[in-house]
Amino acid sequence: MEQNEITGTIVNAAIKVHSALGPGLMEGAYKVCLEHELSRRGLKVERERILPVVYDGIPIDAGYRVDFIVEDSVVVEVKAAKAHPVFEAQLLTYLKLGGMRVGLLLNFFVPSMKDGIKRMVN
C-alpha cells in the first residue's frame, strides 16, 4: 500500500470509530477501538513504539512514545481534548525522531470527525 492509501484507510477507520462512540470519551478508549478497526482492515499496527532521542550519537529513551505506527510508514497520534498547537508540534517531533514522512493527528474531541483530522508531512 502507498502512504495515501494507508492514510485514507486510517481516516476512514477513525470516522467509523467516532461515529460509533461520539466525542467525550477518554483517549484510551479511542486508541483501543482504532487499533481494532485498523487491524480488522488488514493494516499492520504497532502501538506505543519508543522513539529515542539521539544525542551525541547515543540513542536515549526520553519517554517519547508514539501512539501508533501503521504499516511501518505512518505515524498516528490520537487525542481526545480541545485542540492545541502543541499537538501538531508533538506529531512533527515524532515524525522527525522516527525518520518518517507522513503523520496523522486524530482528535476525537469534536462533533464531526472531519474537523479532528490533521495530516502532516515531515
PDB file of N, CA and C in Angstrom:
ATOM      1  N   MET A   1       0.836  -1.194   0.000  1.00  0.00           N
ATOM      2  CA  MET A   1       0.000   0.000   0.000  1.00  0.00           C
ATOM      3  C   MET A   1       0.875   1.249   0.000  1.00  0.00           C
ATOM      4  N   GLU A   2       0.468   2.258  -0.719  1.00  0.00           N
ATOM      5  CA  GLU A   2       1.186   3.520  -0.687  1.00  0.00           C
ATOM      6  C   GLU A   2       0.638   4.381   0.459  1.00  0.00           C
ATOM      7  N   GLN A   3       1.389   5.408   0.837  1.00  0.00           N
ATOM      8  CA  GLN A   3       1.029   6.200   2.007  1.00  0.00           C
ATOM      9  C   GLN A   3      -0.337   6.870   1.893  1.00  0.00           C
ATOM     10  N   ASN A   4      -0.709   7.353   0.721  1.00  0.00           N
ATOM     11  CA  ASN A   4      -2.025   7.978   0.573  1.00  0.00           C
ATOM     12  C   ASN A   4      -3.148   6.973   0.820  1.00  0.00           C
ATOM     13  N   GLU A   5      -2.952   5.756   0.346  1.00  0.00           N
ATOM     14  CA  GLU A   5      -3.957   4.714   0.564  1.00  0.00           C
ATOM     15  C   GLU A   5      -4.017   4.336   2.045  1.00  0.00           C
ATOM     16  N   ILE A   6      -2.855   4.257   2.679  1.00  0.00           N
ATOM     17  CA  ILE A   6      -2.796   3.933   4.107  1.00  0.00           C
ATOM     18  C   ILE A   6      -3.483   5.027   4.920  1.00  0.00           C
ATOM     19  N   THR A   7      -3.140   6.283   4.661  1.00  0.00           N
ATOM     20  CA  THR A   7      -3.759   7.375   5.431  1.00  0.00           C
ATOM     21  C   THR A   7      -5.265   7.435   5.180  1.00  0.00           C
ATOM     22  N   GLY A   8      -5.685   7.168   3.956  1.00  0.00           N
ATOM     23  CA  GLY A   8      -7.126   7.138   3.668  1.00  0.00           C
ATOM     24  C   GLY A   8      -7.839   6.065   4.467  1.00  0.00           C
ATOM     25  N   THR A   9      -7.222   4.902   4.569  1.00  0.00           N
ATOM     26  CA  THR A   9      -7.806   3.805   5.346  1.00  0.00           C
ATOM     27  C   THR A   9      -7.858   4.161   6.826  1.00  0.00           C
ATOM     28  N   ILE A  10      -6.816   4.806   7.327  1.00  0.00           N
ATOM     29  CA  ILE A  10      -6.778   5.224   8.735  1.00  0.00           C
ATOM     30  C   ILE A  10      -7.876   6.240   9.010  1.00  0.00           C
ATOM     31  N   VAL A  11      -8.019   7.224   8.134  1.00  0.00           N
ATOM     32  CA  VAL A  11      -9.051   8.249   8.300  1.00  0.00           C
ATOM     33  C   VAL A  11     -10.441   7.616   8.295  1.00  0.00           C
ATOM     34  N   ASN A  12     -10.694   6.712   7.369  1.00  0.00           N
ATOM     35  CA  ASN A  12     -11.995   6.039   7.320  1.00  0.00           C
ATOM     36  C   ASN A  12     -12.264   5.239   8.598  1.00  0.00           C
ATOM     37  N   ALA A  13     -11.228   4.602   9.119  1.00  0.00           N
ATOM     38  CA  ALA A  13     -11.376   3.847  10.363  1.00  0.00           C
ATOM     39  C   ALA A  13     -11.682   4.787  11.529  1.00  0.00           C
ATOM     40  N   ALA A  14     -10.993   5.928  11.578  1.00  0.00           N
ATOM     41  CA  ALA A  14     -11.230   6.907  12.645  1.00  0.00           C
ATOM     42  C   ALA A  14     -12.653   7.453  12.581  1.00  0.00           C
ATOM     43  N   ILE A  15     -13.137   7.711  11.372  1.00  0.00           N
ATOM     44  CA  ILE A  15     -14.506   8.200  11.207  1.00  0.00           C
ATOM     45  C   ILE A  15     -15.506   7.159  11.695  1.00  0.00           C
ATOM     46  N   LYS A  16     -15.244   5.891  11.396  1.00  0.00           N
ATOM     47  CA  LYS A  16     -16.137   4.824  11.859  1.00  0.00           C
ATOM     48  C   LYS A  16     -16.158   4.747  13.382  1.00  0.00           C
ATOM     49  N   VAL A  17     -14.968   4.813  14.005  1.00  0.00           N
ATOM     50  CA  VAL A  17     -14.888   4.762  15.472  1.00  0.00           C
ATOM     51  C   VAL A  17     -15.622   5.954  16.077  1.00  0.00           C
ATOM     52  N   HIS A  18     -15.386   7.144  15.529  1.00  0.00           N
ATOM     53  CA  HIS A  18     -16.029   8.350  16.054  1.00  0.00           C
ATOM     54  C   HIS A  18     -17.546   8.277  15.880  1.00  0.00           C
ATOM     55  N   SER A  19     -17.995   7.768  14.758  1.00  0.00           N
ATOM     56  CA  SER A  19     -19.442   7.634  14.518  1.00  0.00           C
ATOM     57  C   SER A  19     -20.077   6.695  15.540  1.00  0.00           C
ATOM     58  N   ALA A  20     -19.367   5.646  15.893  1.00  0.00           N
ATOM     59  CA  ALA A  20     -19.895   4.668  16.846  1.00  0.00           C
ATOM     60  C   ALA A  20     -19.858   5.175  18.288  1.00  0.00           C
ATOM     61  N   LEU A  21     -18.782   5.887  18.651  1.00  0.00           N
ATOM     62  CA  LEU A  21     -18.589   6.281  20.046  1.00  0.00           C
ATOM     63  C   LEU A  21     -18.939   7.729  20.349  1.00  0.00           C
ATOM     64  N   GLY A  22     -18.802   8.603  19.339  1.00  0.00           N
ATOM     65  CA  GLY A  22     -19.028  10.029  19.565  1.00  0.00           C
ATOM     66  C   GLY A  22     -17.898  10.655  20.365  1.00  0.00           C
ATOM     67  N   PRO A  23     -17.955  11.969  20.565  1.00  0.00           N
ATOM     68  CA  PRO A  23     -16.931  12.637  21.370  1.00  0.00           C
ATOM     69  C   PRO A  23     -17.208  12.443  22.864  1.00  0.00           C
ATOM     70  N   GLY A  24     -16.212  12.735  23.694  1.00  0.00           N
ATOM     71  CA  GLY A  24     -16.425  12.747  25.139  1.00  0.00           C
ATOM     72  C   GLY A  24     -15.813  11.614  25.923  1.00  0.00           C
ATOM     73  N   LEU A  25     -15.283  10.594  25.242  1.00  0.00           N
ATOM     74  CA  LEU A  25     -14.636   9.506  25.974  1.00  0.00           C
ATOM     75  C   LEU A  25     -13.168   9.842  26.223  1.00  0.00           C
ATOM     76  N   MET A  26     -12.536   9.059  27.039  1.00  0.00           N
ATOM     77  CA  MET A  26     -11.109   9.251  27.279  1.00  0.00           C
ATOM     78  C   MET A  26     -10.317   8.730  26.084  1.00  0.00           C
ATOM     79  N   GLU A  27      -9.131   9.272  25.912  1.00  0.00           N
ATOM     80  CA  GLU A  27      -8.264   8.951  24.783  1.00  0.00           C
ATOM     81  C   GLU A  27      -8.027   7.444  24.633  1.00  0.00           C
ATOM     82  N   GLY A  28      -7.823   6.765  25.747  1.00  0.00           N
ATOM     83  CA  GLY A  28      -7.519   5.336  25.717  1.00  0.00           C
ATOM     84  C   GLY A  28      -8.597   4.506  25.037  1.00  0.00           C
ATOM     85  N   ALA A  29      -9.855   4.882  25.207  1.00  0.00           N
ATOM     86  CA  ALA A  29     -10.954   4.139  24.572  1.00  0.00           C
ATOM     87  C   ALA A  29     -10.858   4.250  23.056  1.00  0.00           C
ATOM     88  N   TYR A  30     -10.570   5.447  22.557  1.00  0.00           N
ATOM     89  CA  TYR A  30     -10.455   5.639  21.115  1.00  0.00           C
ATOM     90  C   TYR A  30      -9.255   4.874  20.557  1.00  0.00           C
ATOM     91  N   LYS A  31      -8.157   4.850  21.301  1.00  0.00           N
ATOM     92  CA  LYS A  31      -6.960   4.137  20.840  1.00  0.00           C
ATOM     93  C   LYS A  31      -7.239   2.648  20.659  1.00  0.00           C
ATOM     94  N   VAL A  32      -7.860   2.039  21.652  1.00  0.00           N
ATOM     95  CA  VAL A  32      -8.135   0.600  21.590  1.00  0.00           C
ATOM     96  C   VAL A  32      -9.080   0.292  20.431  1.00  0.00           C
ATOM     97  N   CYS A  33     -10.121   1.094  20.285  1.00  0.00           N
ATOM     98  CA  CYS A  33     -11.086   0.851  19.207  1.00  0.00           C
ATOM     99  C   CYS A  33     -10.465   1.109  17.841  1.00  0.00           C
ATOM    100  N   LEU A  34      -9.649   2.155  17.725  1.00  0.00           N
ATOM    101  CA  LEU A  34      -8.992   2.437  16.454  1.00  0.00           C
ATOM    102  C   LEU A  34      -8.010   1.333  16.097  1.00  0.00           C
ATOM    103  N   GLU A  35      -7.251   0.863  17.062  1.00  0.00           N
ATOM    104  CA  GLU A  35      -6.325  -0.235  16.792  1.00  0.00           C
ATOM    105  C   GLU A  35      -7.080  -1.461  16.288  1.00  0.00           C
ATOM    106  N   HIS A  36      -8.188  -1.772  16.923  1.00  0.00           N
ATOM    107  CA  HIS A  36      -9.011  -2.900  16.488  1.00  0.00           C
ATOM    108  C   HIS A  36      -9.492  -2.695  15.053  1.00  0.00           C
ATOM    109  N   GLU A  37      -9.980  -1.501  14.761  1.00  0.00           N
ATOM    110  CA  GLU A  37     -10.524  -1.216  13.433  1.00  0.00           C
ATOM    111  C   GLU A  37      -9.438  -1.270  12.361  1.00  0.00           C
ATOM    112  N   LEU A  38      -8.256  -0.766  12.667  1.00  0.00           N
ATOM    113  CA  LEU A  38      -7.152  -0.808  11.700  1.00  0.00           C
ATOM    114  C   LEU A  38      -6.703  -2.239  11.443  1.00  0.00           C
ATOM    115  N   SER A  39      -6.586  -3.020  12.503  1.00  0.00           N
ATOM    116  CA  SER A  39      -6.198  -4.430  12.353  1.00  0.00           C
ATOM    117  C   SER A  39      -7.245  -5.194  11.560  1.00  0.00           C
ATOM    118  N   ARG A  40      -8.502  -4.903  11.827  1.00  0.00           N
ATOM    119  CA  ARG A  40      -9.594  -5.545  11.102  1.00  0.00           C
ATOM    120  C   ARG A  40      -9.538  -5.247   9.608  1.00  0.00           C
ATOM    121  N   ARG A  41      -8.992  -4.099   9.267  1.00  0.00           N
ATOM    122  CA  ARG A  41      -8.872  -3.714   7.858  1.00  0.00           C
ATOM    123  C   ARG A  41      -7.581  -4.224   7.229  1.00  0.00           C
ATOM    124  N   GLY A  42      -6.839  -5.035   7.994  1.00  0.00           N
ATOM    125  CA  GLY A  42      -5.657  -5.686   7.451  1.00  0.00           C
ATOM    126  C   GLY A  42      -4.381  -4.869   7.521  1.00  0.00           C
ATOM    127  N   LEU A  43      -4.385  -3.800   8.290  1.00  0.00           N
ATOM    128  CA  LEU A  43      -3.177  -2.981   8.413  1.00  0.00           C
ATOM    129  C   LEU A  43      -2.304  -3.472   9.559  1.00  0.00           C
ATOM    130  N   LYS A  44      -1.006  -3.383   9.372  1.00  0.00           N
ATOM    131  CA  LYS A  44      -0.049  -3.709  10.432  1.00  0.00           C
ATOM    132  C   LYS A  44       0.041  -2.483  11.354  1.00  0.00           C
ATOM    133  N   VAL A  45      -0.259  -2.693  12.629  1.00  0.00           N
ATOM    134  CA  VAL A  45      -0.297  -1.595  13.592  1.00  0.00           C
ATOM    135  C   VAL A  45       0.652  -1.895  14.739  1.00  0.00           C
ATOM    136  N   GLU A  46       1.532  -0.958  15.004  1.00  0.00           N
ATOM    137  CA  GLU A  46       2.421  -1.066  16.169  1.00  0.00           C
ATOM    138  C   GLU A  46       2.030   0.041  17.136  1.00  0.00           C
ATOM    139  N   ARG A  47       1.756  -0.337  18.373  1.00  0.00           N
ATOM    140  CA  ARG A  47       1.285   0.617  19.376  1.00  0.00           C
ATOM    141  C   ARG A  47       2.391   0.963  20.363  1.00  0.00           C
ATOM    142  N   GLU A  48       2.453   2.231  20.738  1.00  0.00           N
ATOM    143  CA  GLU A  48       3.358   2.727  21.783  1.00  0.00           C
ATOM    144  C   GLU A  48       4.829   2.450  21.500  1.00  0.00           C
ATOM    145  N   ARG A  49       5.262   2.658  20.270  1.00  0.00           N
ATOM    146  CA  ARG A  49       6.676   2.463  19.946  1.00  0.00           C
ATOM    147  C   ARG A  49       7.503   3.568  20.619  1.00  0.00           C
ATOM    148  N   ILE A  50       8.601   3.171  21.239  1.00  0.00           N
ATOM    149  CA  ILE A  50       9.529   4.132  21.842  1.00  0.00           C
ATOM    150  C   ILE A  50      10.327   4.800  20.729  1.00  0.00           C
ATOM    151  N   LEU A  51      10.396   6.121  20.783  1.00  0.00           N
ATOM    152  CA  LEU A  51      11.197   6.878  19.823  1.00  0.00           C
ATOM    153  C   LEU A  51      12.310   7.569  20.600  1.00  0.00           C
ATOM    154  N   PRO A  52      13.520   7.037  20.522  1.00  0.00           N
ATOM    155  CA  PRO A  52      14.615   7.633  21.284  1.00  0.00           C
ATOM    156  C   PRO A  52      15.099   8.947  20.673  1.00  0.00           C
ATOM    157  N   VAL A  53      15.630   9.792  21.521  1.00  0.00           N
ATOM    158  CA  VAL A  53      16.324  10.995  21.091  1.00  0.00           C
ATOM    159  C   VAL A  53      17.781  10.593  20.913  1.00  0.00           C
ATOM    160  N   VAL A  54      18.372  10.959  19.791  1.00  0.00           N
ATOM    161  CA  VAL A  54      19.786  10.645  19.579  1.00  0.00           C
ATOM    162  C   VAL A  54      20.590  11.882  19.937  1.00  0.00           C
ATOM    163  N   TYR A  55      21.410  11.715  20.955  1.00  0.00           N
ATOM    164  CA  TYR A  55      22.258  12.810  21.420  1.00  0.00           C
ATOM    165  C   TYR A  55      23.696  12.323  21.477  1.00  0.00           C
ATOM    166  N   ASP A  56      24.565  13.055  20.847  1.00  0.00           N
ATOM    167  CA  ASP A  56      25.988  12.716  20.834  1.00  0.00           C
ATOM    168  C   ASP A  56      26.201  11.298  20.291  1.00  0.00           C
ATOM    169  N   GLY A  57      25.340  10.933  19.335  1.00  0.00           N
ATOM    170  CA  GLY A  57      25.445   9.622  18.710  1.00  0.00           C
ATOM    171  C   GLY A  57      24.876   8.476  19.523  1.00  0.00           C
ATOM    172  N   ILE A  58      24.245   8.811  20.653  1.00  0.00           N
ATOM    173  CA  ILE A  58      23.718   7.781  21.547  1.00  0.00           C
ATOM    174  C   ILE A  58      22.193   7.878  21.597  1.00  0.00           C
ATOM    175  N   PRO A  59      21.475   6.781  21.309  1.00  0.00           N
ATOM    176  CA  PRO A  59      20.015   6.818  21.461  1.00  0.00           C
ATOM    177  C   PRO A  59      19.631   6.827  22.941  1.00  0.00           C
ATOM    178  N   ILE A  60      18.805   7.804  23.312  1.00  0.00           N
ATOM    179  CA  ILE A  60      18.402   7.974  24.706  1.00  0.00           C
ATOM    180  C   ILE A  60      16.887   7.878  24.800  1.00  0.00           C
ATOM    181  N   ASP A  61      16.408   7.011  25.683  1.00  0.00           N
ATOM    182  CA  ASP A  61      14.973   6.916  25.915  1.00  0.00           C
ATOM    183  C   ASP A  61      14.572   8.106  26.777  1.00  0.00           C
ATOM    184  N   ALA A  62      13.925   9.089  26.131  1.00  0.00           N
ATOM    185  CA  ALA A  62      13.500  10.299  26.832  1.00  0.00           C
ATOM    186  C   ALA A  62      11.994  10.277  27.100  1.00  0.00           C
ATOM    187  N   GLY A  63      11.391   9.107  26.959  1.00  0.00           N
ATOM    188  CA  GLY A  63       9.977   8.978  27.270  1.00  0.00           C
ATOM    189  C   GLY A  63       9.043   9.249  26.111  1.00  0.00           C
ATOM    190  N   TYR A  64       9.563   9.385  24.894  1.00  0.00           N
ATOM    191  CA  TYR A  64       8.698   9.619  23.739  1.00  0.00           C
ATOM    192  C   TYR A  64       8.150   8.294  23.232  1.00  0.00           C
ATOM    193  N   ARG A  65       6.837   8.207  23.181  1.00  0.00           N
ATOM    194  CA  ARG A  65       6.162   7.008  22.690  1.00  0.00           C
ATOM    195  C   ARG A  65       5.044   7.439  21.763  1.00  0.00           C
ATOM    196  N   VAL A  66       5.134   7.003  20.535  1.00  0.00           N
ATOM    197  CA  VAL A  66       4.128   7.354  19.541  1.00  0.00           C
ATOM    198  C   VAL A  66       2.925   6.418  19.713  1.00  0.00           C
ATOM    199  N   ASP A  67       1.718   6.955  19.549  1.00  0.00           N
ATOM    200  CA  ASP A  67       0.525   6.128  19.741  1.00  0.00           C
ATOM    201  C   ASP A  67       0.521   4.928  18.800  1.00  0.00           C
ATOM    202  N   PHE A  68       0.641   5.190  17.484  1.00  0.00           N
ATOM    203  CA  PHE A  68       0.660   4.101  16.509  1.00  0.00           C
ATOM    204  C   PHE A  68       1.629   4.412  15.381  1.00  0.00           C
ATOM    205  N   ILE A  69       2.230   3.354  14.872  1.00  0.00           N
ATOM    206  CA  ILE A  69       2.909   3.411  13.587  1.00  0.00           C
ATOM    207  C   ILE A  69       2.219   2.349  12.735  1.00  0.00           C
ATOM    208  N   VAL A  70       1.668   2.794  11.617  1.00  0.00           N
ATOM    209  CA  VAL A  70       0.875   1.924  10.765  1.00  0.00           C
ATOM    210  C   VAL A  70       1.669   1.596   9.498  1.00  0.00           C
ATOM    211  N   GLU A  71       1.746   0.309   9.213  1.00  0.00           N
ATOM    212  CA  GLU A  71       2.452  -0.189   8.025  1.00  0.00           C
ATOM    213  C   GLU A  71       3.900   0.321   7.965  1.00  0.00           C
ATOM    214  N   ASP A  72       4.518   0.502   9.110  1.00  0.00           N
ATOM    215  CA  ASP A  72       5.910   0.958   9.224  1.00  0.00           C
ATOM    216  C   ASP A  72       6.171   2.275   8.500  1.00  0.00           C
ATOM    217  N   SER A  73       5.105   3.058   8.235  1.00  0.00           N
ATOM    218  CA  SER A  73       5.340   4.278   7.464  1.00  0.00           C
ATOM    219  C   SER A  73       4.514   5.487   7.873  1.00  0.00           C
ATOM    220  N   VAL A  74       3.439   5.313   8.636  1.00  0.00           N
ATOM    221  CA  VAL A  74       2.585   6.444   9.006  1.00  0.00           C
ATOM    222  C   VAL A  74       2.482   6.531  10.532  1.00  0.00           C
ATOM    223  N   VAL A  75       2.819   7.695  11.061  1.00  0.00           N
ATOM    224  CA  VAL A  75       2.690   7.958  12.495  1.00  0.00           C
ATOM    225  C   VAL A  75       1.263   8.439  12.757  1.00  0.00           C
ATOM    226  N   VAL A  76       0.621   7.863  13.767  1.00  0.00           N
ATOM    227  CA  VAL A  76      -0.726   8.287  14.142  1.00  0.00           C
ATOM    228  C   VAL A  76      -0.714   8.685  15.605  1.00  0.00           C
ATOM    229  N   GLU A  77      -1.126   9.915  15.864  1.00  0.00           N
ATOM    230  CA  GLU A  77      -1.235  10.427  17.229  1.00  0.00           C
ATOM    231  C   GLU A  77      -2.712  10.681  17.509  1.00  0.00           C
ATOM    232  N   VAL A  78      -3.218  10.082  18.585  1.00  0.00           N
ATOM    233  CA  VAL A  78      -4.634  10.179  18.949  1.00  0.00           C
ATOM    234  C   VAL A  78      -4.786  11.127  20.132  1.00  0.00           C
ATOM    235  N   LYS A  79      -5.781  12.006  20.023  1.00  0.00           N
ATOM    236  CA  LYS A  79      -6.103  12.933  21.102  1.00  0.00           C
ATOM    237  C   LYS A  79      -7.598  12.898  21.355  1.00  0.00           C
ATOM    238  N   ALA A  80      -7.987  13.320  22.550  1.00  0.00           N
ATOM    239  CA  ALA A  80      -9.394  13.480  22.910  1.00  0.00           C
ATOM    240  C   ALA A  80      -9.474  14.692  23.834  1.00  0.00           C
ATOM    241  N   ALA A  81      -9.074  15.842  23.289  1.00  0.00           N
ATOM    242  CA  ALA A  81      -9.015  17.073  24.074  1.00  0.00           C
ATOM    243  C   ALA A  81      -9.185  18.265  23.147  1.00  0.00           C
ATOM    244  N   LYS A  82      -9.480  19.399  23.738  1.00  0.00           N
ATOM    245  CA  LYS A  82      -9.592  20.629  22.959  1.00  0.00           C
ATOM    246  C   LYS A  82      -8.302  20.834  22.171  1.00  0.00           C
ATOM    247  N   ALA A  83      -8.437  21.177  20.888  1.00  0.00           N
ATOM    248  CA  ALA A  83      -7.266  21.328  20.007  1.00  0.00           C
ATOM    249  C   ALA A  83      -6.269  22.320  20.593  1.00  0.00           C
ATOM    250  N   HIS A  84      -4.992  22.002  20.405  1.00  0.00           N
ATOM    251  CA  HIS A  84      -3.915  22.855  20.909  1.00  0.00           C
ATOM    252  C   HIS A  84      -2.733  22.741  19.954  1.00  0.00           C
ATOM    253  N   PRO A  85      -2.044  23.846  19.664  1.00  0.00           N
ATOM    254  CA  PRO A  85      -0.903  23.794  18.740  1.00  0.00           C
ATOM    255  C   PRO A  85       0.196  22.817  19.152  1.00  0.00           C
ATOM    256  N   VAL A  86       0.305  22.532  20.430  1.00  0.00           N
ATOM    257  CA  VAL A  86       1.349  21.612  20.889  1.00  0.00           C
ATOM    258  C   VAL A  86       1.125  20.201  20.320  1.00  0.00           C
ATOM    259  N   PHE A  87      -0.121  19.844  20.008  1.00  0.00           N
ATOM    260  CA  PHE A  87      -0.389  18.523  19.433  1.00  0.00           C
ATOM    261  C   PHE A  87       0.290  18.379  18.074  1.00  0.00           C
ATOM    262  N   GLU A  88       0.240  19.438  17.264  1.00  0.00           N
ATOM    263  CA  GLU A  88       0.887  19.409  15.950  1.00  0.00           C
ATOM    264  C   GLU A  88       2.403  19.354  16.098  1.00  0.00           C
ATOM    265  N   ALA A  89       2.929  20.123  17.046  1.00  0.00           N
ATOM    266  CA  ALA A  89       4.372  20.100  17.300  1.00  0.00           C
ATOM    267  C   ALA A  89       4.812  18.708  17.749  1.00  0.00           C
ATOM    268  N   GLN A  90       4.000  18.069  18.563  1.00  0.00           N
ATOM    269  CA  GLN A  90       4.304  16.712  19.034  1.00  0.00           C
ATOM    270  C   GLN A  90       4.371  15.744  17.859  1.00  0.00           C
ATOM    271  N   LEU A  91       3.401  15.824  16.957  1.00  0.00           N
ATOM    272  CA  LEU A  91       3.399  14.934  15.800  1.00  0.00           C
ATOM    273  C   LEU A  91       4.626  15.169  14.925  1.00  0.00           C
ATOM    274  N   LEU A  92       4.976  16.416  14.690  1.00  0.00           N
ATOM    275  CA  LEU A  92       6.177  16.714  13.895  1.00  0.00           C
ATOM    276  C   LEU A  92       7.429  16.160  14.562  1.00  0.00           C
ATOM    277  N   THR A  93       7.503  16.261  15.875  1.00  0.00           N
ATOM    278  CA  THR A  93       8.639  15.708  16.619  1.00  0.00           C
ATOM    279  C   THR A  93       8.709  14.200  16.419  1.00  0.00           C
ATOM    280  N   TYR A  94       7.578  13.524  16.503  1.00  0.00           N
ATOM    281  CA  TYR A  94       7.550  12.078  16.315  1.00  0.00           C
ATOM    282  C   TYR A  94       7.968  11.690  14.901  1.00  0.00           C
ATOM    283  N   LEU A  95       7.540  12.475  13.918  1.00  0.00           N
ATOM    284  CA  LEU A  95       7.951  12.200  12.538  1.00  0.00           C
ATOM    285  C   LEU A  95       9.467  12.308  12.400  1.00  0.00           C
ATOM    286  N   LYS A  96      10.042  13.341  12.994  1.00  0.00           N
ATOM    287  CA  LYS A  96      11.493  13.541  12.916  1.00  0.00           C
ATOM    288  C   LYS A  96      12.246  12.442  13.658  1.00  0.00           C
ATOM    289  N   LEU A  97      11.813  12.151  14.896  1.00  0.00           N
ATOM    290  CA  LEU A  97      12.503  11.127  15.686  1.00  0.00           C
ATOM    291  C   LEU A  97      12.407   9.749  15.043  1.00  0.00           C
ATOM    292  N   GLY A  98      11.270   9.460  14.407  1.00  0.00           N
ATOM    293  CA  GLY A  98      11.070   8.162  13.788  1.00  0.00           C
ATOM    294  C   GLY A  98      11.576   8.075  12.358  1.00  0.00           C
ATOM    295  N   GLY A  99      12.020   9.218  11.813  1.00  0.00           N
ATOM    296  CA  GLY A  99      12.511   9.238  10.445  1.00  0.00           C
ATOM    297  C   GLY A  99      11.422   8.911   9.435  1.00  0.00           C
ATOM    298  N   MET A 100      10.208   9.337   9.733  1.00  0.00           N
ATOM    299  CA  MET A 100       9.082   9.067   8.838  1.00  0.00           C
ATOM    300  C   MET A 100       8.571  10.352   8.203  1.00  0.00           C
ATOM    301  N   ARG A 101       7.854  10.190   7.109  1.00  0.00           N
ATOM    302  CA  ARG A 101       7.438  11.339   6.316  1.00  0.00           C
ATOM    303  C   ARG A 101       6.023  11.818   6.612  1.00  0.00           C
ATOM    304  N   VAL A 102       5.077  10.897   6.835  1.00  0.00           N
ATOM    305  CA  VAL A 102       3.660  11.251   6.940  1.00  0.00           C
ATOM    306  C   VAL A 102       3.106  10.881   8.313  1.00  0.00           C
ATOM    307  N   GLY A 103       2.276  11.779   8.842  1.00  0.00           N
ATOM    308  CA  GLY A 103       1.622  11.519  10.114  1.00  0.00           C
ATOM    309  C   GLY A 103       0.202  12.040  10.125  1.00  0.00           C
ATOM    310  N   LEU A 104      -0.604  11.456  10.988  1.00  0.00           N
ATOM    311  CA  LEU A 104      -1.982  11.903  11.177  1.00  0.00           C
ATOM    312  C   LEU A 104      -2.206  12.227  12.642  1.00  0.00           C
ATOM    313  N   LEU A 105      -2.790  13.388  12.882  1.00  0.00           N
ATOM    314  CA  LEU A 105      -3.251  13.776  14.205  1.00  0.00           C
ATOM    315  C   LEU A 105      -4.758  13.589  14.188  1.00  0.00           C
ATOM    316  N   LEU A 106      -5.256  12.691  15.016  1.00  0.00           N
ATOM    317  CA  LEU A 106      -6.679  12.389  15.071  1.00  0.00           C
ATOM    318  C   LEU A 106      -7.223  12.811  16.427  1.00  0.00           C
ATOM    319  N   ASN A 107      -8.031  13.873  16.437  1.00  0.00           N
ATOM    320  CA  ASN A 107      -8.594  14.374  17.686  1.00  0.00           C
ATOM    321  C   ASN A 107     -10.085  14.042  17.717  1.00  0.00           C
ATOM    322  N   PHE A 108     -10.461  13.153  18.611  1.00  0.00           N
ATOM    323  CA  PHE A 108     -11.834  12.679  18.712  1.00  0.00           C
ATOM    324  C   PHE A 108     -12.732  13.605  19.529  1.00  0.00           C
ATOM    325  N   PHE A 109     -12.196  14.714  20.025  1.00  0.00           N
ATOM    326  CA  PHE A 109     -12.945  15.661  20.857  1.00  0.00           C
ATOM    327  C   PHE A 109     -13.621  16.714  19.975  1.00  0.00           C
ATOM    328  N   VAL A 110     -14.346  16.253  18.966  1.00  0.00           N
ATOM    329  CA  VAL A 110     -15.021  17.140  18.018  1.00  0.00           C
ATOM    330  C   VAL A 110     -16.399  16.561  17.700  1.00  0.00           C
ATOM    331  N   PRO A 111     -17.370  17.424  17.370  1.00  0.00           N
ATOM    332  CA  PRO A 111     -18.687  16.906  16.997  1.00  0.00           C
ATOM    333  C   PRO A 111     -18.651  16.098  15.695  1.00  0.00           C
ATOM    334  N   SER A 112     -17.791  16.508  14.746  1.00  0.00           N
ATOM    335  CA  SER A 112     -17.653  15.805  13.471  1.00  0.00           C
ATOM    336  C   SER A 112     -16.180  15.448  13.281  1.00  0.00           C
ATOM    337  N   MET A 113     -15.899  14.183  13.052  1.00  0.00           N
ATOM    338  CA  MET A 113     -14.517  13.721  12.972  1.00  0.00           C
ATOM    339  C   MET A 113     -13.726  14.423  11.881  1.00  0.00           C
ATOM    340  N   LYS A 114     -14.382  14.844  10.805  1.00  0.00           N
ATOM    341  CA  LYS A 114     -13.649  15.525   9.728  1.00  0.00           C
ATOM    342  C   LYS A 114     -12.951  16.788  10.240  1.00  0.00           C
ATOM    343  N   ASP A 115     -13.455  17.359  11.331  1.00  0.00           N
ATOM    344  CA  ASP A 115     -12.831  18.546  11.928  1.00  0.00           C
ATOM    345  C   ASP A 115     -11.681  18.189  12.875  1.00  0.00           C
ATOM    346  N   GLY A 116     -11.493  16.898  13.134  1.00  0.00           N
ATOM    347  CA  GLY A 116     -10.457  16.462  14.057  1.00  0.00           C
ATOM    348  C   GLY A 116      -9.292  15.758  13.385  1.00  0.00           C
ATOM    349  N   ILE A 117      -9.197  15.880  12.060  1.00  0.00           N
ATOM    350  CA  ILE A 117      -8.154  15.176  11.314  1.00  0.00           C
ATOM    351  C   ILE A 117      -7.157  16.178  10.747  1.00  0.00           C
ATOM    352  N   LYS A 118      -5.887  15.955  11.048  1.00  0.00           N
ATOM    353  CA  LYS A 118      -4.814  16.798  10.507  1.00  0.00           C
ATOM    354  C   LYS A 118      -3.732  15.881   9.953  1.00  0.00           C
ATOM    355  N   ARG A 119      -3.457  15.994   8.657  1.00  0.00           N
ATOM    356  CA  ARG A 119      -2.397  15.232   8.009  1.00  0.00           C
ATOM    357  C   ARG A 119      -1.177  16.120   7.935  1.00  0.00           C
ATOM    358  N   MET A 120      -0.039  15.612   8.358  1.00  0.00           N
ATOM    359  CA  MET A 120       1.185  16.400   8.360  1.00  0.00           C
ATOM    360  C   MET A 120       2.309  15.627   7.669  1.00  0.00           C
ATOM    361  N   VAL A 121       3.201  16.397   7.022  1.00  0.00           N
ATOM    362  CA  VAL A 121       4.327  15.811   6.303  1.00  0.00           C
ATOM    363  C   VAL A 121       5.604  16.399   6.872  1.00  0.00           C
ATOM    364  N   ASN A 122       6.577  15.542   7.102  1.00  0.00           N
ATOM    365  CA  ASN A 122       7.887  15.979   7.595  1.00  0.00           C
ATOM    366  C   ASN A 122       8.743  16.372   6.404  1.00  0.00           C
TER     367      ASN A 122
END
